[in-house]
Amino acid sequence: MDAYQLYRNTTLGSTLQETLDEFIQFQQIPTDLALKVLLQFDRSISTALATKVRSRIGFKTDKLNTYRFCDNVWTFFMSDVEFREVQDFIQVDRLKIVACDGRGTEEKK
């Protein structure tokens, strides 16, 4: 399964990259091993989010500013977005959603 590299921009992904960079800098691991670790991170985080996370949250907005579809990836930019989960309520001024196909290539056929 090909995994997206989206989660490398999370705190966990950034910290992993920084650590791998330090290991490479101090010649503790070779560059090709660091790349393999990052690819495994991409696959593992995608699988974990698809199989382990069961909570859902609803949201609504009055303003969809822009949307794009490129290379099988949807990107939405919204304003004044409300999130609700049972009793909890959060409002944000701006929101960007990047949505990718989470199914593996074998599931699409």
Protein backbone atom coordinates (compact mmCIF):
# COMPACT_ATOMS: atom_id res chain seq x y z
CA MET A 1 0.00 0.00 0.00
CA ASP A 2 1.31 3.43 -0.89
CA ALA A 3 1.06 5.80 2.05
CA TYR A 4 0.83 9.56 1.96
CA GLN A 5 3.53 11.63 3.62
CA LEU A 6 0.98 13.99 5.21
CA TYR A 7 1.64 12.89 8.76
CA ARG A 8 5.31 13.83 8.58
CA ASN A 9 4.15 17.41 9.29
CA THR A 10 2.66 16.41 12.64
CA THR A 11 4.57 16.84 15.89
CA LEU A 12 5.36 13.12 15.94
CA GLY A 13 6.50 13.08 12.31
CA SER A 14 8.64 16.22 12.67
CA THR A 15 10.29 14.85 15.80
CA LEU A 16 11.04 11.57 14.04
CA GLN A 17 12.62 13.41 11.11
CA GLU A 18 14.74 15.57 13.42
CA THR A 19 15.94 12.51 15.32
CA LEU A 20 16.80 10.66 12.11
CA ASP A 21 18.67 13.73 10.85
CA GLU A 22 20.73 13.78 14.04
CA PHE A 23 21.50 10.06 13.69
CA ILE A 24 22.66 10.64 10.12
CA GLN A 25 24.69 13.70 11.11
CA PHE A 26 26.55 11.73 13.80
CA GLN A 27 26.91 8.76 11.44
CA GLN A 28 24.88 6.45 13.68
CA ILE A 29 22.68 5.26 10.81
CA PRO A 30 22.98 5.44 7.01
CA THR A 31 20.66 7.69 4.98
CA ASP A 32 18.92 4.77 3.27
CA LEU A 33 17.91 3.36 6.67
CA ALA A 34 16.44 6.73 7.69
CA LEU A 35 14.37 6.76 4.48
CA LYS A 36 13.11 3.23 5.22
CA VAL A 37 12.11 4.33 8.72
CA LEU A 38 10.16 7.30 7.32
CA LEU A 39 8.38 5.09 4.77
CA GLN A 40 7.44 2.66 7.55
CA PHE A 41 6.18 5.61 9.63
CA ASP A 42 3.98 6.70 6.71
CA ARG A 43 2.48 3.21 6.40
CA SER A 44 2.09 2.67 10.14
CA ILE A 45 0.43 5.97 10.95
CA SER A 46 -2.03 5.55 8.05
CA THR A 47 -2.90 2.03 9.18
CA ALA A 48 -3.24 3.05 12.83
CA LEU A 49 -5.55 5.95 12.03
CA ALA A 50 -7.67 3.76 9.75
CA THR A 51 -8.02 0.87 12.20
CA LYS A 52 -7.67 2.27 15.73
CA VAL A 53 -9.53 5.60 15.71
CA ARG A 54 -13.27 5.16 16.13
CA SER A 55 -14.45 8.59 17.30
CA ARG A 56 -16.23 10.94 14.95
CA ILE A 57 -16.87 14.63 15.10
CA GLY A 58 -19.27 16.79 13.13
CA PHE A 59 -18.59 20.23 11.74
CA LYS A 60 -20.40 22.88 9.76
CA THR A 61 -19.42 26.06 8.00
CA ASP A 62 -21.23 28.85 6.23
CA LYS A 63 -18.30 29.62 3.95
CA LEU A 64 -16.31 27.24 1.73
CA ASN A 65 -13.65 29.61 0.40
CA THR A 66 -11.75 27.35 -1.98
CA TYR A 67 -11.52 23.71 -2.92
CA ARG A 68 -9.08 21.77 -5.10
CA PHE A 69 -8.73 18.25 -6.44
CA CYS A 70 -5.25 17.35 -7.65
CA ASP A 71 -3.49 13.96 -7.81
CA ASN A 72 -6.36 12.23 -5.98
CA VAL A 73 -6.13 14.69 -3.07
CA TRP A 74 -8.93 17.06 -2.09
CA THR A 75 -8.05 20.31 -0.30
CA PHE A 76 -10.74 22.48 1.28
CA PHE A 77 -10.34 25.97 2.80
CA MET A 78 -13.20 27.15 5.03
CA SER A 79 -14.06 30.09 7.29
CA ASP A 80 -16.01 30.25 10.54
CA VAL A 81 -16.18 26.51 11.20
CA GLU A 82 -18.02 24.96 14.16
CA PHE A 83 -17.10 21.54 15.55
CA ARG A 84 -19.52 19.60 17.75
CA GLU A 85 -19.19 16.35 19.65
CA VAL A 86 -22.09 15.60 21.98
CA GLN A 87 -21.75 18.46 24.53
CA ASP A 88 -18.42 19.93 23.34
CA PHE A 89 -18.34 22.86 20.94
CA ILE A 90 -15.36 24.58 19.30
CA GLN A 91 -15.32 27.37 16.74
CA VAL A 92 -12.34 28.27 14.53
CA ASP A 93 -11.86 31.22 12.18
CA ARG A 94 -10.10 29.29 9.41
CA LEU A 95 -9.75 25.60 8.56
CA LYS A 96 -7.82 23.66 5.96
CA ILE A 97 -8.77 20.03 5.30
CA VAL A 98 -6.61 17.75 3.17
CA ALA A 99 -8.43 14.54 2.27
CA CYS A 100 -6.73 11.59 0.61
CA ASP A 101 -8.02 8.19 -0.39
CA GLY A 102 -7.27 5.99 2.60
CA ARG A 103 -7.91 2.71 0.83
CA GLY A 104 -5.01 0.66 -0.43
CA THR A 105 -4.53 0.12 -4.15
CA GLU A 106 -5.73 -3.47 -3.85
CA GLU A 107 -9.06 -2.29 -2.35
CA LYS A 108 -9.73 0.12 -5.24
CA LYS A 109 -9.80 -2.62 -7.88
